[in-house]
């Protein structure tokens, strides 16, 4: 019997977005793809989960009210140097892209398909 490659194992994923429809759509897509998903609709909720739980990957929007996803990326990196981090934004901002790269995070510009995110996550 063949075993699945390690990249196909179930990843524990934290998704952070303050747009309820997008957050729910990503949660459904990743759950259907076999990922264990925790979805948070605010910076504060995501921060609390990052500090209390382990995740393989975090996907976060840049704009999260008074805070931003790069601040979450700093916390995530402090918690786990190996965590995969994907930051997405509606704007291709070279400063934000550079900050994300400095944290070892991927920076994507919306719209981003669930299929593309799953492909990227498989390589993390």
N, C-alpha and C. Protein backbone atom coordinates (compact mmCIF):
# COMPACT_ATOMS: atom_id res chain seq x y z
N UNK A 1 0.84 -1.18 0.00
CA UNK A 1 0.00 0.00 0.00
C UNK A 1 0.89 1.24 0.00
N UNK A 2 0.57 2.21 -0.85
CA UNK A 2 1.37 3.43 -0.95
C UNK A 2 0.90 4.43 0.09
N UNK A 3 1.84 5.18 0.62
CA UNK A 3 1.49 6.24 1.56
C UNK A 3 1.55 7.58 0.83
N UNK A 4 0.77 8.51 1.31
CA UNK A 4 0.75 9.84 0.71
C UNK A 4 2.05 10.55 1.02
N UNK A 5 2.55 11.36 0.07
CA UNK A 5 3.75 12.14 0.36
C UNK A 5 3.49 13.09 1.51
N UNK A 6 4.55 13.48 2.19
CA UNK A 6 4.39 14.33 3.37
C UNK A 6 3.71 15.65 3.04
N UNK A 7 3.88 16.17 1.82
CA UNK A 7 3.24 17.44 1.48
C UNK A 7 1.72 17.28 1.37
N UNK A 8 1.23 16.04 1.24
CA UNK A 8 -0.20 15.82 1.12
C UNK A 8 -0.84 15.58 2.49
N UNK A 9 -0.03 15.48 3.53
CA UNK A 9 -0.61 15.26 4.86
C UNK A 9 -1.51 16.44 5.20
N UNK A 10 -2.39 16.21 6.12
CA UNK A 10 -3.33 17.25 6.50
C UNK A 10 -2.61 18.39 7.20
N UNK A 11 -2.65 19.55 6.59
CA UNK A 11 -2.04 20.72 7.20
C UNK A 11 -3.06 21.41 8.10
N UNK A 12 -2.59 21.92 9.21
CA UNK A 12 -3.44 22.72 10.11
C UNK A 12 -3.25 24.17 9.68
N UNK A 13 -4.35 24.79 9.24
CA UNK A 13 -4.29 26.10 8.60
C UNK A 13 -5.10 27.12 9.38
N UNK A 14 -4.48 28.28 9.62
CA UNK A 14 -5.16 29.43 10.20
C UNK A 14 -5.44 30.41 9.06
N UNK A 15 -6.72 30.74 8.86
CA UNK A 15 -7.11 31.70 7.84
C UNK A 15 -7.66 32.93 8.54
N UNK A 16 -7.16 34.11 8.13
CA UNK A 16 -7.58 35.36 8.78
C UNK A 16 -8.03 36.35 7.71
N UNK A 17 -9.29 36.73 7.78
CA UNK A 17 -9.82 37.74 6.86
C UNK A 17 -11.06 38.36 7.50
N UNK A 18 -11.19 39.66 7.39
CA UNK A 18 -12.35 40.32 7.99
C UNK A 18 -13.53 40.43 7.03
N UNK A 19 -13.43 39.83 5.85
CA UNK A 19 -14.54 39.74 4.92
C UNK A 19 -15.21 38.39 5.12
N UNK A 20 -16.41 38.36 5.75
CA UNK A 20 -17.05 37.09 6.10
C UNK A 20 -17.25 36.13 4.93
N UNK A 21 -17.67 36.64 3.77
CA UNK A 21 -17.93 35.75 2.63
C UNK A 21 -16.64 35.09 2.13
N UNK A 22 -15.58 35.85 2.04
CA UNK A 22 -14.30 35.30 1.59
C UNK A 22 -13.74 34.32 2.61
N UNK A 23 -13.85 34.65 3.88
CA UNK A 23 -13.37 33.77 4.94
C UNK A 23 -14.10 32.43 4.89
N UNK A 24 -15.40 32.46 4.75
CA UNK A 24 -16.20 31.23 4.69
C UNK A 24 -15.88 30.42 3.44
N UNK A 25 -15.71 31.09 2.30
CA UNK A 25 -15.39 30.39 1.06
C UNK A 25 -14.04 29.68 1.17
N UNK A 26 -13.05 30.35 1.74
CA UNK A 26 -11.74 29.72 1.91
C UNK A 26 -11.82 28.56 2.89
N UNK A 27 -12.55 28.74 3.96
CA UNK A 27 -12.70 27.68 4.95
C UNK A 27 -13.30 26.43 4.31
N UNK A 28 -14.35 26.61 3.53
CA UNK A 28 -14.99 25.47 2.86
C UNK A 28 -14.03 24.82 1.88
N UNK A 29 -13.35 25.61 1.05
CA UNK A 29 -12.44 25.05 0.04
C UNK A 29 -11.30 24.26 0.67
N UNK A 30 -10.70 24.80 1.73
CA UNK A 30 -9.57 24.12 2.35
C UNK A 30 -10.00 22.89 3.14
N UNK A 31 -11.18 22.96 3.75
CA UNK A 31 -11.70 21.80 4.48
C UNK A 31 -11.99 20.67 3.49
N UNK A 32 -12.59 21.00 2.35
CA UNK A 32 -12.86 19.99 1.32
C UNK A 32 -11.58 19.39 0.77
N UNK A 33 -10.49 20.16 0.81
CA UNK A 33 -9.20 19.68 0.31
C UNK A 33 -8.44 18.90 1.39
N UNK A 34 -9.09 18.65 2.52
CA UNK A 34 -8.49 17.82 3.55
C UNK A 34 -7.65 18.55 4.58
N UNK A 35 -7.72 19.88 4.59
CA UNK A 35 -6.97 20.64 5.58
C UNK A 35 -7.81 20.81 6.84
N UNK A 36 -7.14 20.89 7.98
CA UNK A 36 -7.81 21.24 9.23
C UNK A 36 -7.76 22.76 9.33
N UNK A 37 -8.91 23.40 9.34
CA UNK A 37 -8.99 24.85 9.21
C UNK A 37 -9.53 25.51 10.48
N UNK A 38 -8.84 26.58 10.88
CA UNK A 38 -9.34 27.49 11.91
C UNK A 38 -9.48 28.84 11.21
N UNK A 39 -10.68 29.39 11.24
CA UNK A 39 -10.95 30.67 10.57
C UNK A 39 -11.19 31.75 11.60
N UNK A 40 -10.52 32.88 11.43
CA UNK A 40 -10.67 34.02 12.34
C UNK A 40 -11.03 35.26 11.53
N UNK A 41 -11.96 36.06 12.05
CA UNK A 41 -12.39 37.25 11.34
C UNK A 41 -11.80 38.54 11.89
N UNK A 42 -10.81 38.42 12.80
CA UNK A 42 -10.18 39.62 13.33
C UNK A 42 -8.73 39.34 13.72
N UNK A 43 -7.97 40.42 13.78
CA UNK A 43 -6.58 40.33 14.23
C UNK A 43 -6.51 39.72 15.62
N UNK A 44 -7.35 40.22 16.52
CA UNK A 44 -7.30 39.80 17.92
C UNK A 44 -7.58 38.31 18.07
N UNK A 45 -8.59 37.81 17.37
CA UNK A 45 -8.92 36.38 17.45
C UNK A 45 -7.78 35.54 16.90
N UNK A 46 -7.19 35.97 15.80
CA UNK A 46 -6.08 35.23 15.20
C UNK A 46 -4.85 35.26 16.11
N UNK A 47 -4.56 36.41 16.68
CA UNK A 47 -3.42 36.51 17.60
C UNK A 47 -3.58 35.53 18.76
N UNK A 48 -4.78 35.50 19.34
CA UNK A 48 -5.02 34.60 20.46
C UNK A 48 -4.82 33.14 20.06
N UNK A 49 -5.29 32.77 18.88
CA UNK A 49 -5.13 31.38 18.41
C UNK A 49 -3.66 31.06 18.13
N UNK A 50 -2.94 32.02 17.53
CA UNK A 50 -1.51 31.81 17.25
C UNK A 50 -0.72 31.58 18.53
N UNK A 51 -1.08 32.30 19.57
CA UNK A 51 -0.34 32.18 20.83
C UNK A 51 -0.70 30.91 21.60
N UNK A 52 -1.84 30.32 21.30
CA UNK A 52 -2.32 29.16 22.07
C UNK A 52 -2.21 27.83 21.33
N UNK A 53 -2.09 27.87 19.99
CA UNK A 53 -2.16 26.65 19.20
C UNK A 53 -1.04 26.59 18.16
N UNK A 54 -0.85 25.40 17.61
CA UNK A 54 0.15 25.19 16.56
C UNK A 54 -0.53 25.11 15.20
N UNK A 55 0.08 25.75 14.21
CA UNK A 55 -0.42 25.71 12.84
C UNK A 55 0.74 25.43 11.89
N UNK A 56 0.44 24.78 10.78
CA UNK A 56 1.44 24.56 9.74
C UNK A 56 1.53 25.75 8.80
N UNK A 57 0.37 26.37 8.55
CA UNK A 57 0.29 27.47 7.59
C UNK A 57 -0.68 28.53 8.11
N UNK A 58 -0.33 29.79 7.87
CA UNK A 58 -1.26 30.89 8.14
C UNK A 58 -1.46 31.67 6.85
N UNK A 59 -2.73 31.89 6.50
CA UNK A 59 -3.09 32.75 5.38
C UNK A 59 -3.79 33.96 5.97
N UNK A 60 -3.32 35.15 5.65
CA UNK A 60 -3.94 36.34 6.24
C UNK A 60 -4.03 37.48 5.25
N UNK A 61 -5.12 38.21 5.34
CA UNK A 61 -5.27 39.45 4.60
C UNK A 61 -4.34 40.47 5.23
N UNK A 62 -3.90 41.45 4.47
CA UNK A 62 -3.07 42.51 5.03
C UNK A 62 -3.92 43.43 5.89
N UNK A 63 -5.05 43.85 5.37
CA UNK A 63 -5.88 44.82 6.09
C UNK A 63 -6.84 44.11 7.03
N UNK A 64 -6.66 44.37 8.33
CA UNK A 64 -7.49 43.76 9.37
C UNK A 64 -7.88 44.83 10.38
N UNK A 65 -8.68 45.78 9.96
CA UNK A 65 -9.09 46.85 10.86
C UNK A 65 -7.91 47.74 11.21
N UNK A 66 -7.71 47.98 12.50
CA UNK A 66 -6.62 48.85 12.96
C UNK A 66 -5.26 48.15 12.88
N UNK A 67 -5.25 46.87 12.64
CA UNK A 67 -4.01 46.09 12.58
C UNK A 67 -3.82 45.57 11.16
N UNK A 68 -2.73 44.81 10.97
CA UNK A 68 -2.56 44.20 9.66
C UNK A 68 -1.97 42.81 9.76
N UNK A 69 -2.08 42.10 8.65
CA UNK A 69 -1.63 40.72 8.60
C UNK A 69 -0.14 40.56 8.77
N UNK A 70 0.63 41.59 8.46
CA UNK A 70 2.08 41.49 8.66
C UNK A 70 2.42 41.47 10.14
N UNK A 71 1.62 42.14 10.95
CA UNK A 71 1.83 42.06 12.41
C UNK A 71 1.56 40.63 12.88
N UNK A 72 0.56 39.98 12.30
CA UNK A 72 0.31 38.57 12.62
C UNK A 72 1.46 37.69 12.15
N UNK A 73 2.02 38.03 11.00
CA UNK A 73 3.15 37.25 10.47
C UNK A 73 4.34 37.31 11.42
N UNK A 74 4.57 38.47 12.04
CA UNK A 74 5.65 38.60 13.02
C UNK A 74 5.40 37.67 14.20
N UNK A 75 4.16 37.68 14.70
CA UNK A 75 3.80 36.81 15.83
C UNK A 75 3.95 35.35 15.43
N UNK A 76 3.45 35.01 14.24
CA UNK A 76 3.54 33.62 13.76
C UNK A 76 5.00 33.18 13.66
N UNK A 77 5.85 34.04 13.13
CA UNK A 77 7.26 33.70 12.96
C UNK A 77 7.92 33.53 14.33
N UNK A 78 7.55 34.35 15.31
CA UNK A 78 8.08 34.22 16.67
C UNK A 78 7.66 32.89 17.30
N UNK A 79 6.45 32.45 16.99
CA UNK A 79 5.92 31.21 17.56
C UNK A 79 6.53 29.97 16.91
N UNK A 80 6.76 30.05 15.58
CA UNK A 80 7.22 28.87 14.83
C UNK A 80 7.98 29.33 13.60
N UNK A 81 9.29 29.17 13.62
CA UNK A 81 10.14 29.60 12.49
C UNK A 81 9.81 28.86 11.20
N UNK A 82 9.18 27.67 11.30
CA UNK A 82 8.91 26.84 10.13
C UNK A 82 7.51 27.02 9.55
N UNK A 83 6.65 27.78 10.22
CA UNK A 83 5.27 27.94 9.74
C UNK A 83 5.26 28.61 8.37
N UNK A 84 4.47 28.06 7.47
CA UNK A 84 4.27 28.69 6.17
C UNK A 84 3.35 29.88 6.34
N UNK A 85 3.71 31.00 5.74
CA UNK A 85 2.90 32.22 5.88
C UNK A 85 2.61 32.78 4.50
N UNK A 86 1.32 33.00 4.24
CA UNK A 86 0.89 33.61 2.99
C UNK A 86 0.07 34.85 3.35
N UNK A 87 0.50 35.99 2.82
CA UNK A 87 -0.17 37.26 3.05
C UNK A 87 -0.78 37.69 1.72
N UNK A 88 -2.04 38.14 1.77
CA UNK A 88 -2.66 38.60 0.53
C UNK A 88 -3.29 39.97 0.72
N UNK A 89 -3.33 40.72 -0.37
CA UNK A 89 -3.83 42.09 -0.33
C UNK A 89 -4.52 42.42 -1.64
N UNK A 90 -5.36 43.43 -1.60
CA UNK A 90 -5.99 43.91 -2.82
C UNK A 90 -5.08 44.82 -3.62
N UNK A 91 -3.91 45.14 -3.07
CA UNK A 91 -2.99 46.07 -3.72
C UNK A 91 -1.60 45.46 -3.81
N UNK A 92 -0.95 45.68 -4.94
CA UNK A 92 0.43 45.21 -5.10
C UNK A 92 1.35 46.32 -4.60
N UNK A 93 1.60 46.31 -3.32
CA UNK A 93 2.40 47.33 -2.66
C UNK A 93 3.83 46.81 -2.48
N UNK A 94 4.82 47.45 -3.13
CA UNK A 94 6.19 46.95 -3.05
C UNK A 94 6.76 46.98 -1.63
N UNK A 95 6.32 47.93 -0.81
CA UNK A 95 6.80 48.00 0.58
C UNK A 95 6.28 46.81 1.37
N UNK A 96 4.97 46.55 1.24
CA UNK A 96 4.38 45.40 1.94
C UNK A 96 4.96 44.08 1.43
N UNK A 97 5.18 44.01 0.11
CA UNK A 97 5.78 42.81 -0.48
C UNK A 97 7.17 42.57 0.12
N UNK A 98 7.95 43.62 0.26
CA UNK A 98 9.30 43.51 0.83
C UNK A 98 9.24 43.11 2.30
N UNK A 99 8.29 43.68 3.05
CA UNK A 99 8.14 43.32 4.46
C UNK A 99 7.76 41.84 4.59
N UNK A 100 6.85 41.40 3.74
CA UNK A 100 6.45 39.98 3.77
C UNK A 100 7.65 39.09 3.45
N UNK A 101 8.40 39.45 2.43
CA UNK A 101 9.58 38.65 2.05
C UNK A 101 10.59 38.60 3.19
N UNK A 102 10.75 39.70 3.91
CA UNK A 102 11.67 39.74 5.04
C UNK A 102 11.26 38.80 6.16
N UNK A 103 9.97 38.48 6.22
CA UNK A 103 9.46 37.54 7.22
C UNK A 103 9.39 36.11 6.68
N UNK A 104 9.82 35.94 5.44
CA UNK A 104 9.75 34.62 4.83
C UNK A 104 8.34 34.24 4.41
N UNK A 105 7.51 35.26 4.16
CA UNK A 105 6.12 35.03 3.77
C UNK A 105 5.93 35.28 2.28
N UNK A 106 4.99 34.57 1.70
CA UNK A 106 4.58 34.82 0.32
C UNK A 106 3.59 35.97 0.32
N UNK A 107 3.66 36.84 -0.69
CA UNK A 107 2.75 37.97 -0.80
C UNK A 107 1.99 37.81 -2.10
N UNK A 108 0.67 37.73 -2.02
CA UNK A 108 -0.18 37.56 -3.19
C UNK A 108 -1.15 38.71 -3.30
N UNK A 109 -1.53 39.03 -4.53
CA UNK A 109 -2.49 40.09 -4.78
C UNK A 109 -3.84 39.46 -5.12
N UNK A 110 -4.90 39.93 -4.43
CA UNK A 110 -6.25 39.45 -4.70
C UNK A 110 -6.68 39.88 -6.10
N UNK A 111 -7.53 39.14 -6.75
CA UNK A 111 -8.15 37.91 -6.26
C UNK A 111 -7.19 36.74 -6.36
N UNK A 112 -7.28 35.84 -5.40
CA UNK A 112 -6.45 34.65 -5.35
C UNK A 112 -7.39 33.45 -5.26
N UNK A 113 -7.22 32.50 -6.15
CA UNK A 113 -8.10 31.34 -6.14
C UNK A 113 -7.68 30.35 -5.05
N UNK A 114 -8.64 29.61 -4.56
CA UNK A 114 -8.36 28.57 -3.57
C UNK A 114 -7.40 27.55 -4.15
N UNK A 115 -7.54 27.24 -5.44
CA UNK A 115 -6.66 26.27 -6.09
C UNK A 115 -5.21 26.74 -6.06
N UNK A 116 -5.00 28.02 -6.33
CA UNK A 116 -3.65 28.57 -6.32
C UNK A 116 -3.07 28.53 -4.89
N UNK A 117 -3.89 28.87 -3.91
CA UNK A 117 -3.44 28.84 -2.52
C UNK A 117 -3.09 27.41 -2.11
N UNK A 118 -3.91 26.45 -2.51
CA UNK A 118 -3.63 25.04 -2.17
C UNK A 118 -2.33 24.56 -2.81
N UNK A 119 -2.07 24.97 -4.05
CA UNK A 119 -0.81 24.62 -4.71
C UNK A 119 0.36 25.21 -3.95
N UNK A 120 0.24 26.46 -3.58
CA UNK A 120 1.32 27.13 -2.84
C UNK A 120 1.53 26.47 -1.48
N UNK A 121 0.43 26.14 -0.80
CA UNK A 121 0.52 25.50 0.51
C UNK A 121 1.18 24.13 0.44
N UNK A 122 0.97 23.42 -0.67
CA UNK A 122 1.57 22.09 -0.81
C UNK A 122 3.08 22.15 -0.81
N UNK A 123 3.64 23.30 -1.23
CA UNK A 123 5.08 23.46 -1.27
C UNK A 123 5.67 23.98 0.03
N UNK A 124 4.82 24.27 1.00
CA UNK A 124 5.32 24.83 2.27
C UNK A 124 5.67 23.74 3.25
